[in-house]
Amino acid sequence: MSIAITVELPESVAEKFGNDKKDLSRTALEAIALEDYRSDRLTGFQVREMLGLETRLESDAFLRAC
């Protein structure tokens, strides 16, 4: 089960992220995952699950890159 969240941005702000809505959604999802991981609200496993990553190596690489 998953929950959809809608975020409204002023057009002038949204333009800074480009025209691809899918990329914007992914960027927002990654930012939330990273912030909550750094704040100890999410575990590495939960970040992996949230981002749809298949392996721990992928989630570790994501967290190291940020």
PDB file of N, CA and C in Angstrom:
ATOM      1  N   MET A   1       0.841  -1.176   0.000  1.00  0.00           N
ATOM      2  CA  MET A   1       0.000   0.000   0.000  1.00  0.00           C
ATOM      3  C   MET A   1       0.887   1.241   0.000  1.00  0.00           C
ATOM      4  N   SER A   2       0.469   2.241  -0.702  1.00  0.00           N
ATOM      5  CA  SER A   2       1.202   3.506  -0.700  1.00  0.00           C
ATOM      6  C   SER A   2       0.207   4.661  -0.633  1.00  0.00           C
ATOM      7  N   ILE A   3       0.716   5.800  -0.264  1.00  0.00           N
ATOM      8  CA  ILE A   3      -0.097   7.001  -0.139  1.00  0.00           C
ATOM      9  C   ILE A   3       0.454   8.046  -1.097  1.00  0.00           C
ATOM     10  N   ALA A   4      -0.414   8.688  -1.840  1.00  0.00           N
ATOM     11  CA  ALA A   4      -0.007   9.760  -2.752  1.00  0.00           C
ATOM     12  C   ALA A   4      -0.101  11.093  -2.027  1.00  0.00           C
ATOM     13  N   ILE A   5       0.901  11.935  -2.260  1.00  0.00           N
ATOM     14  CA  ILE A   5       0.944  13.265  -1.661  1.00  0.00           C
ATOM     15  C   ILE A   5       1.055  14.280  -2.787  1.00  0.00           C
ATOM     16  N   THR A   6       0.276  15.327  -2.703  1.00  0.00           N
ATOM     17  CA  THR A   6       0.328  16.393  -3.696  1.00  0.00           C
ATOM     18  C   THR A   6       0.987  17.612  -3.076  1.00  0.00           C
ATOM     19  N   VAL A   7       1.923  18.192  -3.801  1.00  0.00           N
ATOM     20  CA  VAL A   7       2.616  19.385  -3.332  1.00  0.00           C
ATOM     21  C   VAL A   7       2.403  20.477  -4.371  1.00  0.00           C
ATOM     22  N   GLU A   8       1.973  21.621  -3.925  1.00  0.00           N
ATOM     23  CA  GLU A   8       1.783  22.747  -4.839  1.00  0.00           C
ATOM     24  C   GLU A   8       2.961  23.699  -4.720  1.00  0.00           C
ATOM     25  N   LEU A   9       3.535  24.023  -5.869  1.00  0.00           N
ATOM     26  CA  LEU A   9       4.647  24.970  -5.935  1.00  0.00           C
ATOM     27  C   LEU A   9       4.269  26.123  -6.836  1.00  0.00           C
ATOM     28  N   PRO A  10       4.698  27.312  -6.528  1.00  0.00           N
ATOM     29  CA  PRO A  10       4.502  28.413  -7.463  1.00  0.00           C
ATOM     30  C   PRO A  10       5.227  28.075  -8.768  1.00  0.00           C
ATOM     31  N   GLU A  11       4.670  28.476  -9.879  1.00  0.00           N
ATOM     32  CA  GLU A  11       5.261  28.165 -11.174  1.00  0.00           C
ATOM     33  C   GLU A  11       6.714  28.624 -11.261  1.00  0.00           C
ATOM     34  N   SER A  12       6.996  29.791 -10.694  1.00  0.00           N
ATOM     35  CA  SER A  12       8.356  30.320 -10.760  1.00  0.00           C
ATOM     36  C   SER A  12       9.352  29.409 -10.036  1.00  0.00           C
ATOM     37  N   VAL A  13       8.916  28.719  -9.000  1.00  0.00           N
ATOM     38  CA  VAL A  13       9.779  27.784  -8.283  1.00  0.00           C
ATOM     39  C   VAL A  13       9.869  26.464  -9.049  1.00  0.00           C
ATOM     40  N   ALA A  14       8.750  25.964  -9.500  1.00  0.00           N
ATOM     41  CA  ALA A  14       8.718  24.697 -10.232  1.00  0.00           C
ATOM     42  C   ALA A  14       9.589  24.744 -11.480  1.00  0.00           C
ATOM     43  N   GLU A  15       9.658  25.904 -12.129  1.00  0.00           N
ATOM     44  CA  GLU A  15      10.483  26.054 -13.332  1.00  0.00           C
ATOM     45  C   GLU A  15      11.951  25.773 -13.052  1.00  0.00           C
ATOM     46  N   LYS A  16      12.398  26.042 -11.843  1.00  0.00           N
ATOM     47  CA  LYS A  16      13.798  25.813 -11.468  1.00  0.00           C
ATOM     48  C   LYS A  16      14.175  24.339 -11.535  1.00  0.00           C
ATOM     49  N   PHE A  17      13.170  23.464 -11.459  1.00  0.00           N
ATOM     50  CA  PHE A  17      13.405  22.026 -11.474  1.00  0.00           C
ATOM     51  C   PHE A  17      13.253  21.411 -12.853  1.00  0.00           C
ATOM     52  N   GLY A  18      12.894  22.204 -13.851  1.00  0.00           N
ATOM     53  CA  GLY A  18      12.710  21.685 -15.205  1.00  0.00           C
ATOM     54  C   GLY A  18      11.265  21.335 -15.484  1.00  0.00           C
ATOM     55  N   ASN A  19      11.031  20.814 -16.668  1.00  0.00           N
ATOM     56  CA  ASN A  19       9.665  20.545 -17.122  1.00  0.00           C
ATOM     57  C   ASN A  19       9.186  19.127 -16.845  1.00  0.00           C
ATOM     58  N   ASP A  20      10.069  18.237 -16.510  1.00  0.00           N
ATOM     59  CA  ASP A  20       9.686  16.839 -16.333  1.00  0.00           C
ATOM     60  C   ASP A  20       9.093  16.619 -14.946  1.00  0.00           C
ATOM     61  N   LYS A  21       7.796  16.442 -14.878  1.00  0.00           N
ATOM     62  CA  LYS A  21       7.095  16.282 -13.600  1.00  0.00           C
ATOM     63  C   LYS A  21       7.546  15.020 -12.862  1.00  0.00           C
ATOM     64  N   LYS A  22       7.862  13.968 -13.624  1.00  0.00           N
ATOM     65  CA  LYS A  22       8.315  12.729 -12.994  1.00  0.00           C
ATOM     66  C   LYS A  22       9.627  12.968 -12.264  1.00  0.00           C
ATOM     67  N   ASP A  23      10.553  13.703 -12.872  1.00  0.00           N
ATOM     68  CA  ASP A  23      11.821  14.010 -12.214  1.00  0.00           C
ATOM     69  C   ASP A  23      11.598  14.859 -10.973  1.00  0.00           C
ATOM     70  N   LEU A  24      10.677  15.795 -11.048  1.00  0.00           N
ATOM     71  CA  LEU A  24      10.371  16.646  -9.898  1.00  0.00           C
ATOM     72  C   LEU A  24       9.812  15.809  -8.749  1.00  0.00           C
ATOM     73  N   SER A  25       8.932  14.882  -9.058  1.00  0.00           N
ATOM     74  CA  SER A  25       8.380  13.999  -8.027  1.00  0.00           C
ATOM     75  C   SER A  25       9.478  13.153  -7.398  1.00  0.00           C
ATOM     76  N   ARG A  26      10.371  12.642  -8.223  1.00  0.00           N
ATOM     77  CA  ARG A  26      11.465  11.806  -7.718  1.00  0.00           C
ATOM     78  C   ARG A  26      12.422  12.639  -6.852  1.00  0.00           C
ATOM     79  N   THR A  27      12.710  13.856  -7.297  1.00  0.00           N
ATOM     80  CA  THR A  27      13.584  14.751  -6.538  1.00  0.00           C
ATOM     81  C   THR A  27      12.994  15.029  -5.156  1.00  0.00           C
ATOM     82  N   ALA A  28      11.701  15.298  -5.113  1.00  0.00           N
ATOM     83  CA  ALA A  28      11.029  15.569  -3.834  1.00  0.00           C
ATOM     84  C   ALA A  28      11.050  14.327  -2.941  1.00  0.00           C
ATOM     85  N   LEU A  29      10.787  13.174  -3.514  1.00  0.00           N
ATOM     86  CA  LEU A  29      10.783  11.925  -2.756  1.00  0.00           C
ATOM     87  C   LEU A  29      12.168  11.637  -2.170  1.00  0.00           C
ATOM     88  N   GLU A  30      13.205  11.828  -2.973  1.00  0.00           N
ATOM     89  CA  GLU A  30      14.572  11.608  -2.494  1.00  0.00           C
ATOM     90  C   GLU A  30      14.941  12.589  -1.390  1.00  0.00           C
ATOM     91  N   ALA A  31      14.512  13.836  -1.525  1.00  0.00           N
ATOM     92  CA  ALA A  31      14.809  14.844  -0.507  1.00  0.00           C
ATOM     93  C   ALA A  31      14.144  14.486   0.818  1.00  0.00           C
ATOM     94  N   ILE A  32      12.918  14.039   0.764  1.00  0.00           N
ATOM     95  CA  ILE A  32      12.203  13.631   1.981  1.00  0.00           C
ATOM     96  C   ILE A  32      12.891  12.428   2.611  1.00  0.00           C
ATOM     97  N   ALA A  33      13.231  11.449   1.797  1.00  0.00           N
ATOM     98  CA  ALA A  33      13.890  10.245   2.306  1.00  0.00           C
ATOM     99  C   ALA A  33      15.222  10.594   2.974  1.00  0.00           C
ATOM    100  N   LEU A  34      15.999  11.422   2.313  1.00  0.00           N
ATOM    101  CA  LEU A  34      17.305  11.797   2.847  1.00  0.00           C
ATOM    102  C   LEU A  34      17.179  12.575   4.152  1.00  0.00           C
ATOM    103  N   GLU A  35      16.302  13.555   4.186  1.00  0.00           N
ATOM    104  CA  GLU A  35      16.121  14.361   5.402  1.00  0.00           C
ATOM    105  C   GLU A  35      15.638  13.505   6.575  1.00  0.00           C
ATOM    106  N   ASP A  36      14.697  12.624   6.305  1.00  0.00           N
ATOM    107  CA  ASP A  36      14.185  11.784   7.381  1.00  0.00           C
ATOM    108  C   ASP A  36      15.210  10.747   7.830  1.00  0.00           C
ATOM    109  N   TYR A  37      16.070  10.288   6.941  1.00  0.00           N
ATOM    110  CA  TYR A  37      17.148   9.381   7.319  1.00  0.00           C
ATOM    111  C   TYR A  37      18.151  10.116   8.212  1.00  0.00           C
ATOM    112  N   ARG A  38      18.544  11.316   7.790  1.00  0.00           N
ATOM    113  CA  ARG A  38      19.497  12.103   8.579  1.00  0.00           C
ATOM    114  C   ARG A  38      18.943  12.479   9.952  1.00  0.00           C
ATOM    115  N   SER A  39      17.629  12.610  10.047  1.00  0.00           N
ATOM    116  CA  SER A  39      16.980  12.967  11.317  1.00  0.00           C
ATOM    117  C   SER A  39      16.604  11.737  12.140  1.00  0.00           C
ATOM    118  N   ASP A  40      17.041  10.569  11.688  1.00  0.00           N
ATOM    119  CA  ASP A  40      16.757   9.294  12.367  1.00  0.00           C
ATOM    120  C   ASP A  40      15.271   8.946  12.440  1.00  0.00           C
ATOM    121  N   ARG A  41      14.481   9.460  11.506  1.00  0.00           N
ATOM    122  CA  ARG A  41      13.066   9.077  11.441  1.00  0.00           C
ATOM    123  C   ARG A  41      12.871   7.873  10.523  1.00  0.00           C
ATOM    124  N   LEU A  42      13.845   7.621   9.636  1.00  0.00           N
ATOM    125  CA  LEU A  42      13.793   6.464   8.746  1.00  0.00           C
ATOM    126  C   LEU A  42      15.080   5.660   8.872  1.00  0.00           C
ATOM    127  N   THR A  43      14.950   4.361   8.717  1.00  0.00           N
ATOM    128  CA  THR A  43      16.120   3.492   8.668  1.00  0.00           C
ATOM    129  C   THR A  43      16.591   3.389   7.224  1.00  0.00           C
ATOM    130  N   GLY A  44      17.764   2.824   7.037  1.00  0.00           N
ATOM    131  CA  GLY A  44      18.258   2.582   5.683  1.00  0.00           C
ATOM    132  C   GLY A  44      17.301   1.700   4.897  1.00  0.00           C
ATOM    133  N   PHE A  45      16.733   0.693   5.562  1.00  0.00           N
ATOM    134  CA  PHE A  45      15.773  -0.185   4.893  1.00  0.00           C
ATOM    135  C   PHE A  45      14.544   0.599   4.439  1.00  0.00           C
ATOM    136  N   GLN A  46      14.052   1.500   5.280  1.00  0.00           N
ATOM    137  CA  GLN A  46      12.874   2.286   4.920  1.00  0.00           C
ATOM    138  C   GLN A  46      13.167   3.231   3.754  1.00  0.00           C
ATOM    139  N   VAL A  47      14.376   3.784   3.717  1.00  0.00           N
ATOM    140  CA  VAL A  47      14.776   4.616   2.577  1.00  0.00           C
ATOM    141  C   VAL A  47      14.767   3.766   1.309  1.00  0.00           C
ATOM    142  N   ARG A  48      15.333   2.591   1.403  1.00  0.00           N
ATOM    143  CA  ARG A  48      15.361   1.662   0.260  1.00  0.00           C
ATOM    144  C   ARG A  48      13.951   1.351  -0.230  1.00  0.00           C
ATOM    145  N   GLU A  49      13.070   1.057   0.696  1.00  0.00           N
ATOM    146  CA  GLU A  49      11.681   0.739   0.370  1.00  0.00           C
ATOM    147  C   GLU A  49      10.975   1.948  -0.251  1.00  0.00           C
ATOM    148  N   MET A  50      11.177   3.104   0.367  1.00  0.00           N
ATOM    149  CA  MET A  50      10.526   4.337  -0.091  1.00  0.00           C
ATOM    150  C   MET A  50      10.935   4.694  -1.521  1.00  0.00           C
ATOM    151  N   LEU A  51      12.216   4.492  -1.839  1.00  0.00           N
ATOM    152  CA  LEU A  51      12.723   4.865  -3.159  1.00  0.00           C
ATOM    153  C   LEU A  51      12.633   3.738  -4.186  1.00  0.00           C
ATOM    154  N   GLY A  52      12.152   2.583  -3.748  1.00  0.00           N
ATOM    155  CA  GLY A  52      11.998   1.463  -4.670  1.00  0.00           C
ATOM    156  C   GLY A  52      13.324   0.879  -5.129  1.00  0.00           C
ATOM    157  N   LEU A  53      14.328   0.965  -4.262  1.00  0.00           N
ATOM    158  CA  LEU A  53      15.639   0.409  -4.595  1.00  0.00           C
ATOM    159  C   LEU A  53      15.635  -1.082  -4.270  1.00  0.00           C
ATOM    160  N   GLU A  54      16.320  -1.874  -5.083  1.00  0.00           N
ATOM    161  CA  GLU A  54      16.248  -3.325  -4.929  1.00  0.00           C
ATOM    162  C   GLU A  54      17.230  -3.894  -3.916  1.00  0.00           C
ATOM    163  N   THR A  55      18.364  -3.244  -3.753  1.00  0.00           N
ATOM    164  CA  THR A  55      19.373  -3.821  -2.866  1.00  0.00           C
ATOM    165  C   THR A  55      19.864  -2.798  -1.845  1.00  0.00           C
ATOM    166  N   ARG A  56      20.483  -3.327  -0.809  1.00  0.00           N
ATOM    167  CA  ARG A  56      21.081  -2.467   0.208  1.00  0.00           C
ATOM    168  C   ARG A  56      22.243  -1.673  -0.392  1.00  0.00           C
ATOM    169  N   LEU A  57      22.933  -2.275  -1.343  1.00  0.00           N
ATOM    170  CA  LEU A  57      24.036  -1.576  -2.007  1.00  0.00           C
ATOM    171  C   LEU A  57      23.543  -0.324  -2.715  1.00  0.00           C
ATOM    172  N   GLU A  58      22.366  -0.410  -3.343  1.00  0.00           N
ATOM    173  CA  GLU A  58      21.787   0.756  -4.026  1.00  0.00           C
ATOM    174  C   GLU A  58      21.430   1.850  -3.022  1.00  0.00           C
ATOM    175  N   SER A  59      20.817   1.469  -1.915  1.00  0.00           N
ATOM    176  CA  SER A  59      20.443   2.486  -0.932  1.00  0.00           C
ATOM    177  C   SER A  59      21.674   3.074  -0.258  1.00  0.00           C
ATOM    178  N   ASP A  60      22.669   2.251   0.009  1.00  0.00           N
ATOM    179  CA  ASP A  60      23.919   2.758   0.576  1.00  0.00           C
ATOM    180  C   ASP A  60      24.590   3.743  -0.381  1.00  0.00           C
ATOM    181  N   ALA A  61      24.583   3.417  -1.670  1.00  0.00           N
ATOM    182  CA  ALA A  61      25.179   4.307  -2.677  1.00  0.00           C
ATOM    183  C   ALA A  61      24.418   5.632  -2.741  1.00  0.00           C
ATOM    184  N   PHE A  62      23.102   5.567  -2.675  1.00  0.00           N
ATOM    185  CA  PHE A  62      22.285   6.791  -2.675  1.00  0.00           C
ATOM    186  C   PHE A  62      22.645   7.661  -1.468  1.00  0.00           C
ATOM    187  N   LEU A  63      22.703   7.059  -0.296  1.00  0.00           N
ATOM    188  CA  LEU A  63      22.970   7.817   0.923  1.00  0.00           C
ATOM    189  C   LEU A  63      24.390   8.382   0.928  1.00  0.00           C
ATOM    190  N   ARG A  64      25.353   7.653   0.390  1.00  0.00           N
ATOM    191  CA  ARG A  64      26.722   8.152   0.307  1.00  0.00           C
ATOM    192  C   ARG A  64      26.829   9.310  -0.673  1.00  0.00           C
ATOM    193  N   ALA A  65      26.097   9.241  -1.761  1.00  0.00           N
ATOM    194  CA  ALA A  65      26.164  10.269  -2.802  1.00  0.00           C
ATOM    195  C   ALA A  65      25.578  11.603  -2.337  1.00  0.00           C
ATOM    196  N   CYS A  66      24.728  11.541  -1.336  1.00  0.00           N
ATOM    197  CA  CYS A  66      24.076  12.756  -0.852  1.00  0.00           C
ATOM    198  C   CYS A  66      24.863  13.290   0.254  1.00  0.00           C
TER     199      CYS A  66
END
